[in-house]
Amino acid sequence: MITCGIVGVTGYAGMELLKLIGKHPEFTLVRAMSDSSTGLTLAQLYPWLEIEDLTLEPFRVDALDDIDVIFLATPSGVSAHYVTQLTEYEGVVIDLSGDLRLPASSYETWYGKPAVPASLQAQAVYGLTEWNRDAVRSANWIANPGCYATAVALGLLPFVNGGWIDPNEIIVSACSGITGAGKGLSAKTHHARSNENVQLYKIHTHQHIPEIEQTLYAVSGTQATVSLSTHLLPINRGIMATMSVVPTLEQSEADWVDALRQAYADEPFIRVQQGEPEIRTAVGSNYCDLWVYLDQRTNRLTIISVIDNMQKGAAGQAIQNANVRFGLNETAGLNEQPQYI
């Protein structure tokens, strides 16, 4: 069995990792760490979860010798505190925060927090599994992608990589459930404000914008410019990203659908759909569902990407990366069907 530890088990992503590791055929959880809730047991935190009842421990590097992989399920800026203590750790580190995704200058501009040392960030492999699988296989430091970045990049990459669209005409409107804002309460996430409401936030300033552009360039060699607007929905989980782009080829809608299907033909978690998009087709699963439509009147393509921000946008993709890193079946522990209702 591959031994696992989670730092940050009290947050939403940490909770989702507990669930996924608990039913994984090859992973076992041996350390549950939280500096804020040390001494509590998992049964006290999550009495409804059927998992081994570990006691939460403070983070200590000298307690990690028996752990093959550490998942950092802590917020951006907090992960950096742990990352800098793990330089001598010989196992695999998978960071679900943004702290290892961007170079220092870009990170500090978009996150407004001090960056990790450049030497550490440079070691991290970006874990968008479908497009960076070979690098993940040998990585000891994995930067798990952001939720919006995952949904948008998976939708855009076949088109940008193929040179099928104008990289300077990418407009994205994306909506997320309330768990995407994290567990901490704020004015925006307070029930009285978020319920029966849709809120536009971080207009053109969301920290996943440079991550998306960096990913498009890393895969395709094309410098793309992305305009991203993000919205908070009064639902628990799920992301829908609607991308409006200008094609460089004249093709029918059926041809575009076929091209997208061919791009992801061998990917177990990417499904090219038809009909009307819904967030619920992916919620509760590690799937990314994609649609593409041609507007003949305006000569624009509309690409839709739907994921569960807690799974494919966080914990599920982290497990997927761990599966690849340890040479396991990529779908191990990730076979849940969407909840839908």
C-alpha atoms as a PDB file:
ATOM      1  CA  MET A   1       0.000   0.000   0.000  1.00  0.00           C
ATOM      2  CA  ILE A   2       1.072   3.559  -0.699  1.00  0.00           C
ATOM      3  CA  THR A   3       1.064   5.572   2.508  1.00  0.00           C
ATOM      4  CA  CYS A   4      -0.466   9.053   2.470  1.00  0.00           C
ATOM      5  CA  GLY A   5      -0.576  12.118   4.650  1.00  0.00           C
ATOM      6  CA  ILE A   6      -2.867  15.129   4.362  1.00  0.00           C
ATOM      7  CA  VAL A   7      -2.009  18.577   5.653  1.00  0.00           C
ATOM      8  CA  GLY A   8      -5.196  20.620   6.026  1.00  0.00           C
ATOM      9  CA  VAL A   9      -7.850  17.951   6.620  1.00  0.00           C
ATOM     10  CA  THR A  10     -10.363  20.450   8.022  1.00  0.00           C
ATOM     11  CA  GLY A  11     -10.939  22.274   4.727  1.00  0.00           C
ATOM     12  CA  TYR A  12     -13.198  21.267   1.861  1.00  0.00           C
ATOM     13  CA  ALA A  13     -10.384  19.900  -0.318  1.00  0.00           C
ATOM     14  CA  GLY A  14      -8.939  18.014   2.661  1.00  0.00           C
ATOM     15  CA  MET A  15     -12.333  16.482   3.391  1.00  0.00           C
ATOM     16  CA  GLU A  16     -12.674  15.382  -0.237  1.00  0.00           C
ATOM     17  CA  LEU A  17      -9.212  13.813  -0.126  1.00  0.00           C
ATOM     18  CA  LEU A  18     -10.211  11.864   2.993  1.00  0.00           C
ATOM     19  CA  LYS A  19     -13.188  10.423   1.132  1.00  0.00           C
ATOM     20  CA  LEU A  20     -11.175   9.510  -1.966  1.00  0.00           C
ATOM     21  CA  ILE A  21      -8.217   7.994  -0.115  1.00  0.00           C
ATOM     22  CA  GLY A  22     -10.611   6.090   2.146  1.00  0.00           C
ATOM     23  CA  LYS A  23     -12.001   4.112  -0.797  1.00  0.00           C
ATOM     24  CA  HIS A  24      -8.797   3.894  -2.833  1.00  0.00           C
ATOM     25  CA  PRO A  25      -7.618   0.296  -3.382  1.00  0.00           C
ATOM     26  CA  GLU A  26      -3.893   1.166  -3.165  1.00  0.00           C
ATOM     27  CA  PHE A  27      -3.703   4.155  -0.779  1.00  0.00           C
ATOM     28  CA  THR A  28      -3.853   4.210   2.989  1.00  0.00           C
ATOM     29  CA  LEU A  29      -3.974   7.320   5.170  1.00  0.00           C
ATOM     30  CA  VAL A  30      -1.458   7.263   8.030  1.00  0.00           C
ATOM     31  CA  ARG A  31      -1.205  10.953   8.963  1.00  0.00           C
ATOM     32  CA  ALA A  32      -3.943  13.582   9.207  1.00  0.00           C
ATOM     33  CA  MET A  33      -2.385  16.945   9.993  1.00  0.00           C
ATOM     34  CA  SER A  34      -3.849  20.262  11.032  1.00  0.00           C
ATOM     35  CA  ASP A  35      -2.116  22.974  13.017  1.00  0.00           C
ATOM     36  CA  SER A  36      -5.465  24.594  13.823  1.00  0.00           C
ATOM     37  CA  SER A  37      -7.311  21.480  15.079  1.00  0.00           C
ATOM     38  CA  THR A  38      -4.583  19.362  16.650  1.00  0.00           C
ATOM     39  CA  GLY A  39      -5.932  16.749  19.059  1.00  0.00           C
ATOM     40  CA  LEU A  40      -9.320  16.287  17.455  1.00  0.00           C
ATOM     41  CA  THR A  41     -10.087  12.970  15.814  1.00  0.00           C
ATOM     42  CA  LEU A  42     -11.425  12.455  12.314  1.00  0.00           C
ATOM     43  CA  ALA A  43     -14.536  10.907  13.890  1.00  0.00           C
ATOM     44  CA  GLN A  44     -15.143  14.124  15.795  1.00  0.00           C
ATOM     45  CA  LEU A  45     -14.656  16.237  12.679  1.00  0.00           C
ATOM     46  CA  TYR A  46     -16.583  14.016  10.267  1.00  0.00           C
ATOM     47  CA  PRO A  47     -18.793  11.563  12.191  1.00  0.00           C
ATOM     48  CA  TRP A  48     -20.618  10.695   8.973  1.00  0.00           C
ATOM     49  CA  LEU A  49     -17.435   9.459   7.212  1.00  0.00           C
ATOM     50  CA  GLU A  50     -16.553   5.747   7.403  1.00  0.00           C
ATOM     51  CA  ILE A  51     -12.764   6.152   7.600  1.00  0.00           C
ATOM     52  CA  GLU A  52      -9.965   5.181   9.965  1.00  0.00           C
ATOM     53  CA  ASP A  53     -10.248   7.335  13.073  1.00  0.00           C
ATOM     54  CA  LEU A  54      -6.898   9.096  13.206  1.00  0.00           C
ATOM     55  CA  THR A  55      -6.063  11.855  15.664  1.00  0.00           C
ATOM     56  CA  LEU A  56      -5.088  15.139  14.021  1.00  0.00           C
ATOM     57  CA  GLU A  57      -1.426  15.940  14.496  1.00  0.00           C
ATOM     58  CA  PRO A  58       0.560  19.140  14.079  1.00  0.00           C
ATOM     59  CA  PHE A  59       2.756  19.273  10.990  1.00  0.00           C
ATOM     60  CA  ARG A  60       6.225  17.908  11.724  1.00  0.00           C
ATOM     61  CA  VAL A  61       8.763  17.020   9.062  1.00  0.00           C
ATOM     62  CA  ASP A  62      10.340  14.379  11.309  1.00  0.00           C
ATOM     63  CA  ALA A  63       7.020  12.492  11.374  1.00  0.00           C
ATOM     64  CA  LEU A  64       6.917  11.959   7.601  1.00  0.00           C
ATOM     65  CA  ASP A  65       9.488   9.190   7.152  1.00  0.00           C
ATOM     66  CA  ASP A  66       6.805   6.506   6.723  1.00  0.00           C
ATOM     67  CA  ILE A  67       4.744   8.528   4.219  1.00  0.00           C
ATOM     68  CA  ASP A  68       5.070   8.078   0.450  1.00  0.00           C
ATOM     69  CA  VAL A  69       2.993  11.090  -0.573  1.00  0.00           C
ATOM     70  CA  ILE A  70       1.942  14.288   1.180  1.00  0.00           C
ATOM     71  CA  PHE A  71      -1.109  16.200  -0.019  1.00  0.00           C
ATOM     72  CA  LEU A  72      -1.086  19.879   0.915  1.00  0.00           C
ATOM     73  CA  ALA A  73      -4.775  20.817   1.068  1.00  0.00           C
ATOM     74  CA  THR A  74      -4.080  24.264   2.464  1.00  0.00           C
ATOM     75  CA  PRO A  75      -4.831  27.730   1.046  1.00  0.00           C
ATOM     76  CA  SER A  76      -2.461  29.669  -1.156  1.00  0.00           C
ATOM     77  CA  GLY A  77       0.054  31.453   1.023  1.00  0.00           C
ATOM     78  CA  VAL A  78      -0.321  28.824   3.739  1.00  0.00           C
ATOM     79  CA  SER A  79       1.096  25.955   1.669  1.00  0.00           C
ATOM     80  CA  ALA A  80       4.277  27.988   1.225  1.00  0.00           C
ATOM     81  CA  HIS A  81       4.897  27.664   4.976  1.00  0.00           C
ATOM     82  CA  TYR A  82       4.946  23.860   4.647  1.00  0.00           C
ATOM     83  CA  VAL A  83       6.640  23.661   1.257  1.00  0.00           C
ATOM     84  CA  THR A  84       9.748  25.392   2.554  1.00  0.00           C
ATOM     85  CA  GLN A  85      10.014  22.781   5.323  1.00  0.00           C
ATOM     86  CA  LEU A  86       9.808  19.854   2.897  1.00  0.00           C
ATOM     87  CA  THR A  87      13.002  20.440   0.944  1.00  0.00           C
ATOM     88  CA  GLU A  88      14.650  17.325   2.443  1.00  0.00           C
ATOM     89  CA  TYR A  89      11.523  15.156   2.305  1.00  0.00           C
ATOM     90  CA  GLU A  90      12.133  12.150   0.043  1.00  0.00           C
ATOM     91  CA  GLY A  91       8.525  11.387  -0.824  1.00  0.00           C
ATOM     92  CA  VAL A  92       6.098  13.014  -3.257  1.00  0.00           C
ATOM     93  CA  VAL A  93       4.487  16.385  -2.516  1.00  0.00           C
ATOM     94  CA  ILE A  94       1.201  17.300  -4.220  1.00  0.00           C
ATOM     95  CA  ASP A  95       0.196  20.880  -3.477  1.00  0.00           C
ATOM     96  CA  LEU A  96      -3.443  21.801  -4.105  1.00  0.00           C
ATOM     97  CA  SER A  97      -2.826  25.514  -3.552  1.00  0.00           C
ATOM     98  CA  GLY A  98      -1.487  28.020  -6.058  1.00  0.00           C
ATOM     99  CA  ASP A  99       1.900  28.338  -4.355  1.00  0.00           C
ATOM    100  CA  LEU A 100       3.860  26.163  -6.792  1.00  0.00           C
ATOM    101  CA  ARG A 101       2.020  26.998 -10.023  1.00  0.00           C
ATOM    102  CA  LEU A 102       3.530  30.343 -11.022  1.00  0.00           C
ATOM    103  CA  PRO A 103       6.984  31.955 -11.091  1.00  0.00           C
ATOM    104  CA  ALA A 104       7.621  34.368  -8.222  1.00  0.00           C
ATOM    105  CA  SER A 105       7.012  37.637 -10.063  1.00  0.00           C
ATOM    106  CA  SER A 106       3.716  36.459 -11.526  1.00  0.00           C
ATOM    107  CA  TYR A 107       2.597  34.827  -8.277  1.00  0.00           C
ATOM    108  CA  GLU A 108       3.193  37.922  -6.175  1.00  0.00           C
ATOM    109  CA  THR A 109       1.421  40.150  -8.708  1.00  0.00           C
ATOM    110  CA  TRP A 110      -1.706  38.009  -8.933  1.00  0.00           C
ATOM    111  CA  TYR A 111      -1.892  36.506  -5.435  1.00  0.00           C
ATOM    112  CA  GLY A 112      -0.535  39.457  -3.476  1.00  0.00           C
ATOM    113  CA  LYS A 113       1.463  37.140  -1.216  1.00  0.00           C
ATOM    114  CA  PRO A 114       5.181  36.337  -0.871  1.00  0.00           C
ATOM    115  CA  ALA A 115       6.266  33.621  -3.300  1.00  0.00           C
ATOM    116  CA  VAL A 116       8.079  30.410  -2.401  1.00  0.00           C
ATOM    117  CA  PRO A 117      11.796  30.362  -3.303  1.00  0.00           C
ATOM    118  CA  ALA A 118      12.243  30.218  -7.066  1.00  0.00           C
ATOM    119  CA  SER A 119      14.327  27.036  -6.788  1.00  0.00           C
ATOM    120  CA  LEU A 120      11.401  25.210  -5.182  1.00  0.00           C
ATOM    121  CA  GLN A 121       8.816  26.470  -7.664  1.00  0.00           C
ATOM    122  CA  ALA A 122      11.066  25.449 -10.560  1.00  0.00           C
ATOM    123  CA  GLN A 123      11.102  21.845  -9.323  1.00  0.00           C
ATOM    124  CA  ALA A 124       7.315  21.538  -9.429  1.00  0.00           C
ATOM    125  CA  VAL A 125       5.610  19.825 -12.361  1.00  0.00           C
ATOM    126  CA  TYR A 126       2.246  21.262 -13.343  1.00  0.00           C
ATOM    127  CA  GLY A 127      -0.278  18.487 -12.841  1.00  0.00           C
ATOM    128  CA  LEU A 128      -2.824  18.973 -15.611  1.00  0.00           C
ATOM    129  CA  THR A 129      -2.702  15.226 -16.056  1.00  0.00           C
ATOM    130  CA  GLU A 130      -4.115  14.869 -19.556  1.00  0.00           C
ATOM    131  CA  TRP A 131      -1.541  17.268 -21.016  1.00  0.00           C
ATOM    132  CA  ASN A 132       1.478  16.667 -18.768  1.00  0.00           C
ATOM    133  CA  ARG A 133       1.262  12.982 -17.898  1.00  0.00           C
ATOM    134  CA  ASP A 134       4.840  12.062 -18.837  1.00  0.00           C
ATOM    135  CA  ALA A 135       6.307  14.744 -16.559  1.00  0.00           C
ATOM    136  CA  VAL A 136       3.998  13.755 -13.680  1.00  0.00           C
ATOM    137  CA  ARG A 137       5.246  10.153 -13.848  1.00  0.00           C
ATOM    138  CA  SER A 138       8.670  11.122 -12.518  1.00  0.00           C
ATOM    139  CA  ALA A 139       7.835  14.220 -10.446  1.00  0.00           C
ATOM    140  CA  ASN A 140       8.435  14.524  -6.712  1.00  0.00           C
ATOM    141  CA  TRP A 141       6.815  17.965  -6.559  1.00  0.00           C
ATOM    142  CA  ILE A 142       3.444  18.379  -8.273  1.00  0.00           C
ATOM    143  CA  ALA A 143       1.521  21.649  -8.509  1.00  0.00           C
ATOM    144  CA  ASN A 144      -2.115  20.618  -8.712  1.00  0.00           C
ATOM    145  CA  PRO A 145      -3.970  22.989 -11.090  1.00  0.00           C
ATOM    146  CA  GLY A 146      -6.604  25.467  -9.972  1.00  0.00           C
ATOM    147  CA  CYS A 147     -10.280  24.736 -10.496  1.00  0.00           C
ATOM    148  CA  TYR A 148     -11.049  27.431 -13.079  1.00  0.00           C
ATOM    149  CA  ALA A 149      -7.696  26.816 -14.757  1.00  0.00           C
ATOM    150  CA  THR A 150      -8.504  23.122 -15.109  1.00  0.00           C
ATOM    151  CA  ALA A 151     -11.931  23.674 -16.646  1.00  0.00           C
ATOM    152  CA  VAL A 152     -10.768  26.395 -19.037  1.00  0.00           C
ATOM    153  CA  ALA A 153      -7.479  24.810 -20.091  1.00  0.00           C
ATOM    154  CA  LEU A 154      -9.077  21.437 -20.825  1.00  0.00           C
ATOM    155  CA  GLY A 155     -11.632  23.189 -23.013  1.00  0.00           C
ATOM    156  CA  LEU A 156      -9.170  25.416 -24.866  1.00  0.00           C
ATOM    157  CA  LEU A 157      -6.029  23.320 -25.253  1.00  0.00           C
ATOM    158  CA  PRO A 158      -7.063  21.186 -28.246  1.00  0.00           C
ATOM    159  CA  PHE A 159      -8.076  24.336 -30.131  1.00  0.00           C
ATOM    160  CA  VAL A 160      -5.025  26.443 -29.217  1.00  0.00           C
ATOM    161  CA  ASN A 161      -2.605  23.545 -29.665  1.00  0.00           C
ATOM    162  CA  GLY A 162      -4.048  22.756 -33.089  1.00  0.00           C
ATOM    163  CA  GLY A 163      -3.945  26.393 -34.201  1.00  0.00           C
ATOM    164  CA  TRP A 164      -7.690  26.195 -34.770  1.00  0.00           C
ATOM    165  CA  ILE A 165      -8.574  29.486 -33.023  1.00  0.00           C
ATOM    166  CA  ASP A 166      -7.263  33.031 -32.697  1.00  0.00           C
ATOM    167  CA  PRO A 167      -5.276  33.017 -29.403  1.00  0.00           C
ATOM    168  CA  ASN A 168      -5.926  36.730 -28.888  1.00  0.00           C
ATOM    169  CA  GLU A 169      -9.717  36.429 -29.036  1.00  0.00           C
ATOM    170  CA  ILE A 170     -10.506  34.253 -26.020  1.00  0.00           C
ATOM    171  CA  ILE A 171     -13.347  35.422 -23.777  1.00  0.00           C
ATOM    172  CA  VAL A 172     -14.336  33.242 -20.833  1.00  0.00           C
ATOM    173  CA  SER A 173     -17.262  33.505 -18.448  1.00  0.00           C
ATOM    174  CA  ALA A 174     -17.026  30.947 -15.652  1.00  0.00           C
ATOM    175  CA  CYS A 175     -19.305  30.140 -12.711  1.00  0.00           C
ATOM    176  CA  SER A 176     -18.446  28.213  -9.542  1.00  0.00           C
ATOM    177  CA  GLY A 177     -20.289  26.764  -6.607  1.00  0.00           C
ATOM    178  CA  ILE A 178     -19.752  28.230  -3.144  1.00  0.00           C
ATOM    179  CA  THR A 179     -17.156  25.630  -2.074  1.00  0.00           C
ATOM    180  CA  GLY A 180     -14.789  27.189  -4.611  1.00  0.00           C
ATOM    181  CA  ALA A 181     -14.433  30.148  -2.257  1.00  0.00           C
ATOM    182  CA  GLY A 182     -13.100  27.887   0.519  1.00  0.00           C
ATOM    183  CA  LYS A 183     -14.423  27.080   3.973  1.00  0.00           C
ATOM    184  CA  GLY A 184     -13.717  30.438   5.595  1.00  0.00           C
ATOM    185  CA  LEU A 185     -16.760  32.662   5.935  1.00  0.00           C
ATOM    186  CA  SER A 186     -16.792  36.024   4.169  1.00  0.00           C
ATOM    187  CA  ALA A 187     -19.390  38.628   3.315  1.00  0.00           C
ATOM    188  CA  LYS A 188     -19.737  37.139  -0.172  1.00  0.00           C
ATOM    189  CA  THR A 189     -20.193  33.565   1.045  1.00  0.00           C
ATOM    190  CA  HIS A 190     -22.538  34.391   3.925  1.00  0.00           C
ATOM    191  CA  HIS A 191     -25.845  32.583   3.330  1.00  0.00           C
ATOM    192  CA  ALA A 192     -27.906  35.756   3.370  1.00  0.00           C
ATOM    193  CA  ARG A 193     -25.865  37.178   0.514  1.00  0.00           C
ATOM    194  CA  SER A 194     -24.997  34.087  -1.534  1.00  0.00           C
ATOM    195  CA  ASN A 195     -28.378  32.353  -1.409  1.00  0.00           C
ATOM    196  CA  GLU A 196     -30.685  33.127  -4.361  1.00  0.00           C
ATOM    197  CA  ASN A 197     -27.987  35.370  -5.802  1.00  0.00           C
ATOM    198  CA  VAL A 198     -25.274  35.345  -8.484  1.00  0.00           C
ATOM    199  CA  GLN A 199     -22.168  37.412  -7.766  1.00  0.00           C
ATOM    200  CA  LEU A 200     -19.507  38.546 -10.199  1.00  0.00           C
ATOM    201  CA  TYR A 201     -16.145  38.725  -8.452  1.00  0.00           C
ATOM    202  CA  LYS A 202     -12.445  39.342  -9.184  1.00  0.00           C
ATOM    203  CA  ILE A 203     -13.402  40.923 -12.508  1.00  0.00           C
ATOM    204  CA  HIS A 204     -10.448  40.408 -14.891  1.00  0.00           C
ATOM    205  CA  THR A 205      -8.176  39.906 -11.859  1.00  0.00           C
ATOM    206  CA  HIS A 206      -8.676  36.256 -10.931  1.00  0.00           C
ATOM    207  CA  GLN A 207      -5.408  34.527 -10.028  1.00  0.00           C
ATOM    208  CA  HIS A 208      -6.118  31.657 -12.430  1.00  0.00           C
ATOM    209  CA  ILE A 209      -5.759  33.935 -15.479  1.00  0.00           C
ATOM    210  CA  PRO A 210      -1.935  33.772 -15.631  1.00  0.00           C
ATOM    211  CA  GLU A 211      -2.094  30.059 -14.870  1.00  0.00           C
ATOM    212  CA  ILE A 212      -4.351  29.478 -17.884  1.00  0.00           C
ATOM    213  CA  GLU A 213      -2.176  31.586 -20.189  1.00  0.00           C
ATOM    214  CA  GLN A 214       0.996  29.902 -18.899  1.00  0.00           C
ATOM    215  CA  THR A 215      -0.516  26.456 -19.531  1.00  0.00           C
ATOM    216  CA  LEU A 216      -1.642  27.292 -23.057  1.00  0.00           C
ATOM    217  CA  TYR A 217       1.865  28.519 -23.860  1.00  0.00           C
ATOM    218  CA  ALA A 218       3.626  25.557 -22.220  1.00  0.00           C
ATOM    219  CA  VAL A 219       1.652  23.031 -24.261  1.00  0.00           C
ATOM    220  CA  SER A 220       1.258  24.818 -27.589  1.00  0.00           C
ATOM    221  CA  GLY A 221       4.079  27.366 -27.713  1.00  0.00           C
ATOM    222  CA  THR A 222       1.400  29.961 -28.477  1.00  0.00           C
ATOM    223  CA  GLN A 223       1.101  33.130 -26.413  1.00  0.00           C
ATOM    224  CA  ALA A 224      -2.616  33.489 -25.732  1.00  0.00           C
ATOM    225  CA  THR A 225      -4.530  36.298 -24.048  1.00  0.00           C
ATOM    226  CA  VAL A 226      -7.510  35.271 -21.929  1.00  0.00           C
ATOM    227  CA  SER A 227     -10.252  37.556 -20.662  1.00  0.00           C
ATOM    228  CA  LEU A 228     -11.877  35.802 -17.690  1.00  0.00           C
ATOM    229  CA  SER A 229     -14.946  36.819 -15.697  1.00  0.00           C
ATOM    230  CA  THR A 230     -15.828  34.678 -12.662  1.00  0.00           C
ATOM    231  CA  HIS A 231     -19.182  34.282 -10.926  1.00  0.00           C
ATOM    232  CA  LEU A 232     -20.237  32.756  -7.628  1.00  0.00           C
ATOM    233  CA  LEU A 233     -23.355  30.575  -7.811  1.00  0.00           C
ATOM    234  CA  PRO A 234     -25.728  29.657  -4.956  1.00  0.00           C
ATOM    235  CA  ILE A 235     -24.902  25.941  -5.286  1.00  0.00           C
ATOM    236  CA  ASN A 236     -22.453  23.832  -3.294  1.00  0.00           C
ATOM    237  CA  ARG A 237     -20.129  22.593  -5.994  1.00  0.00           C
ATOM    238  CA  GLY A 238     -19.418  22.563  -9.708  1.00  0.00           C
ATOM    239  CA  ILE A 239     -17.946  24.833 -12.383  1.00  0.00           C
ATOM    240  CA  MET A 240     -19.224  25.762 -15.817  1.00  0.00           C
ATOM    241  CA  ALA A 241     -16.860  27.692 -18.074  1.00  0.00           C
ATOM    242  CA  THR A 242     -18.238  29.214 -21.282  1.00  0.00           C
ATOM    243  CA  MET A 243     -15.516  30.148 -23.781  1.00  0.00           C
ATOM    244  CA  SER A 244     -16.177  32.302 -26.840  1.00  0.00           C
ATOM    245  CA  VAL A 245     -13.430  32.087 -29.484  1.00  0.00           C
ATOM    246  CA  VAL A 246     -12.819  32.907 -33.152  1.00  0.00           C
ATOM    247  CA  PRO A 247     -11.975  29.910 -35.370  1.00  0.00           C
ATOM    248  CA  THR A 248      -9.204  30.083 -37.944  1.00  0.00           C
ATOM    249  CA  LEU A 249     -10.671  27.218 -39.981  1.00  0.00           C
ATOM    250  CA  GLU A 250     -13.985  26.920 -41.800  1.00  0.00           C
ATOM    251  CA  GLN A 251     -15.640  23.759 -40.545  1.00  0.00           C
ATOM    252  CA  SER A 252     -19.104  22.546 -39.674  1.00  0.00           C
ATOM    253  CA  GLU A 253     -20.165  22.152 -36.055  1.00  0.00           C
ATOM    254  CA  ALA A 254     -20.026  18.378 -36.512  1.00  0.00           C
ATOM    255  CA  ASP A 255     -16.383  18.692 -37.610  1.00  0.00           C
ATOM    256  CA  TRP A 256     -15.523  20.703 -34.496  1.00  0.00           C
ATOM    257  CA  VAL A 257     -17.210  18.137 -32.258  1.00  0.00           C
ATOM    258  CA  ASP A 258     -15.305  15.359 -34.003  1.00  0.00           C
ATOM    259  CA  ALA A 259     -11.994  17.208 -33.646  1.00  0.00           C
ATOM    260  CA  LEU A 260     -12.592  17.596 -29.909  1.00  0.00           C
ATOM    261  CA  ARG A 261     -13.492  13.920 -29.592  1.00  0.00           C
ATOM    262  CA  GLN A 262     -10.315  12.890 -31.378  1.00  0.00           C
ATOM    263  CA  ALA A 263      -8.183  15.113 -29.132  1.00  0.00           C
ATOM    264  CA  TYR A 264      -9.458  13.328 -26.018  1.00  0.00           C
ATOM    265  CA  ALA A 265     -10.239   9.896 -27.462  1.00  0.00           C
ATOM    266  CA  ASP A 266      -8.001   8.020 -25.006  1.00  0.00           C
ATOM    267  CA  GLU A 267      -8.705  10.080 -21.897  1.00  0.00           C
ATOM    268  CA  PRO A 268     -10.767   8.289 -19.226  1.00  0.00           C
ATOM    269  CA  PHE A 269     -12.014  11.471 -17.534  1.00  0.00           C
ATOM    270  CA  ILE A 270     -12.798  13.682 -20.543  1.00  0.00           C
ATOM    271  CA  ARG A 271     -16.226  13.288 -22.149  1.00  0.00           C
ATOM    272  CA  VAL A 272     -17.350  15.193 -25.229  1.00  0.00           C
ATOM    273  CA  GLN A 273     -21.092  15.692 -24.913  1.00  0.00           C
ATOM    274  CA  GLN A 274     -23.950  16.930 -27.053  1.00  0.00           C
ATOM    275  CA  GLY A 275     -27.214  18.537 -26.050  1.00  0.00           C
ATOM    276  CA  GLU A 276     -27.561  21.240 -23.407  1.00  0.00           C
ATOM    277  CA  PRO A 277     -24.747  21.624 -20.858  1.00  0.00           C
ATOM    278  CA  GLU A 278     -25.440  21.137 -17.139  1.00  0.00           C
ATOM    279  CA  ILE A 279     -23.131  21.370 -14.134  1.00  0.00           C
ATOM    280  CA  ARG A 280     -24.775  18.315 -12.622  1.00  0.00           C
ATOM    281  CA  THR A 281     -23.410  16.012 -15.335  1.00  0.00           C
ATOM    282  CA  ALA A 282     -19.995  16.193 -13.614  1.00  0.00           C
ATOM    283  CA  VAL A 283     -20.696  16.968  -9.932  1.00  0.00           C
ATOM    284  CA  GLY A 284     -19.536  14.172  -7.635  1.00  0.00           C
ATOM    285  CA  SER A 285     -17.118  12.773 -10.217  1.00  0.00           C
ATOM    286  CA  ASN A 286     -13.661  13.377 -11.679  1.00  0.00           C
ATOM    287  CA  TYR A 287     -15.074  13.908 -15.175  1.00  0.00           C
ATOM    288  CA  CYS A 288     -14.660  16.977 -17.319  1.00  0.00           C
ATOM    289  CA  ASP A 289     -17.580  17.286 -19.745  1.00  0.00           C
ATOM    290  CA  LEU A 290     -17.044  19.337 -22.905  1.00  0.00           C
ATOM    291  CA  TRP A 291     -19.347  20.767 -25.557  1.00  0.00           C
ATOM    292  CA  VAL A 292     -18.588  22.855 -28.652  1.00  0.00           C
ATOM    293  CA  TYR A 293     -21.049  24.872 -30.753  1.00  0.00           C
ATOM    294  CA  LEU A 294     -20.570  26.897 -33.936  1.00  0.00           C
ATOM    295  CA  ASP A 295     -22.409  30.207 -34.247  1.00  0.00           C
ATOM    296  CA  GLN A 296     -22.557  30.611 -38.031  1.00  0.00           C
ATOM    297  CA  ARG A 297     -24.035  34.102 -37.766  1.00  0.00           C
ATOM    298  CA  THR A 298     -21.078  35.562 -35.832  1.00  0.00           C
ATOM    299  CA  ASN A 299     -18.491  32.986 -36.918  1.00  0.00           C
ATOM    300  CA  ARG A 300     -17.559  32.243 -33.309  1.00  0.00           C
ATOM    301  CA  LEU A 301     -17.155  28.956 -31.482  1.00  0.00           C
ATOM    302  CA  THR A 302     -18.610  28.430 -28.027  1.00  0.00           C
ATOM    303  CA  ILE A 303     -16.789  25.845 -25.936  1.00  0.00           C
ATOM    304  CA  ILE A 304     -18.368  24.673 -22.675  1.00  0.00           C
ATOM    305  CA  SER A 305     -16.421  22.906 -19.935  1.00  0.00           C
ATOM    306  CA  VAL A 306     -18.033  21.477 -16.802  1.00  0.00           C
ATOM    307  CA  ILE A 307     -16.217  19.976 -13.815  1.00  0.00           C
ATOM    308  CA  ASP A 308     -16.708  19.403 -10.105  1.00  0.00           C
ATOM    309  CA  ASN A 309     -14.445  21.994  -8.465  1.00  0.00           C
ATOM    310  CA  MET A 310     -13.914  19.638  -5.508  1.00  0.00           C
ATOM    311  CA  GLN A 311     -12.945  16.669  -7.648  1.00  0.00           C
ATOM    312  CA  LYS A 312     -11.433  17.366 -11.072  1.00  0.00           C
ATOM    313  CA  GLY A 313     -10.747  20.906  -9.858  1.00  0.00           C
ATOM    314  CA  ALA A 314      -8.971  19.827  -6.659  1.00  0.00           C
ATOM    315  CA  ALA A 315      -8.880  16.496  -4.763  1.00  0.00           C
ATOM    316  CA  GLY A 316      -9.854  14.207  -7.647  1.00  0.00           C
ATOM    317  CA  GLN A 317      -7.138  15.556  -9.905  1.00  0.00           C
ATOM    318  CA  ALA A 318      -4.649  15.261  -7.017  1.00  0.00           C
ATOM    319  CA  ILE A 319      -5.495  11.556  -6.694  1.00  0.00           C
ATOM    320  CA  GLN A 320      -5.313  11.180 -10.483  1.00  0.00           C
ATOM    321  CA  ASN A 321      -1.812  12.681 -10.416  1.00  0.00           C
ATOM    322  CA  ALA A 322      -0.799  10.422  -7.531  1.00  0.00           C
ATOM    323  CA  ASN A 323      -2.042   7.390  -9.471  1.00  0.00           C
ATOM    324  CA  VAL A 324       0.093   8.369 -12.454  1.00  0.00           C
ATOM    325  CA  ARG A 325       3.123   9.168 -10.287  1.00  0.00           C
ATOM    326  CA  PHE A 326       3.048   5.754  -8.582  1.00  0.00           C
ATOM    327  CA  GLY A 327       2.371   3.767 -11.753  1.00  0.00           C
ATOM    328  CA  LEU A 328      -1.176   2.767 -10.827  1.00  0.00           C
ATOM    329  CA  ASN A 329      -4.292   2.583 -12.941  1.00  0.00           C
ATOM    330  CA  GLU A 330      -5.083   6.259 -13.512  1.00  0.00           C
ATOM    331  CA  THR A 331      -8.746   5.742 -12.603  1.00  0.00           C
ATOM    332  CA  ALA A 332      -8.077   3.913  -9.310  1.00  0.00           C
ATOM    333  CA  GLY A 333     -10.314   5.277  -6.560  1.00  0.00           C
ATOM    334  CA  LEU A 334     -11.984   7.692  -8.992  1.00  0.00           C
ATOM    335  CA  ASN A 335     -14.796   5.593 -10.423  1.00  0.00           C
ATOM    336  CA  GLU A 336     -17.717   7.499  -8.921  1.00  0.00           C
ATOM    337  CA  GLN A 337     -20.479   8.426 -11.340  1.00  0.00           C
ATOM    338  CA  PRO A 338     -21.872  11.982 -11.239  1.00  0.00           C
ATOM    339  CA  GLN A 339     -24.487  12.524  -8.535  1.00  0.00           C
ATOM    340  CA  TYR A 340     -26.772  14.476 -10.882  1.00  0.00           C
ATOM    341  CA  ILE A 341     -29.687  14.463  -8.424  1.00  0.00           C
END
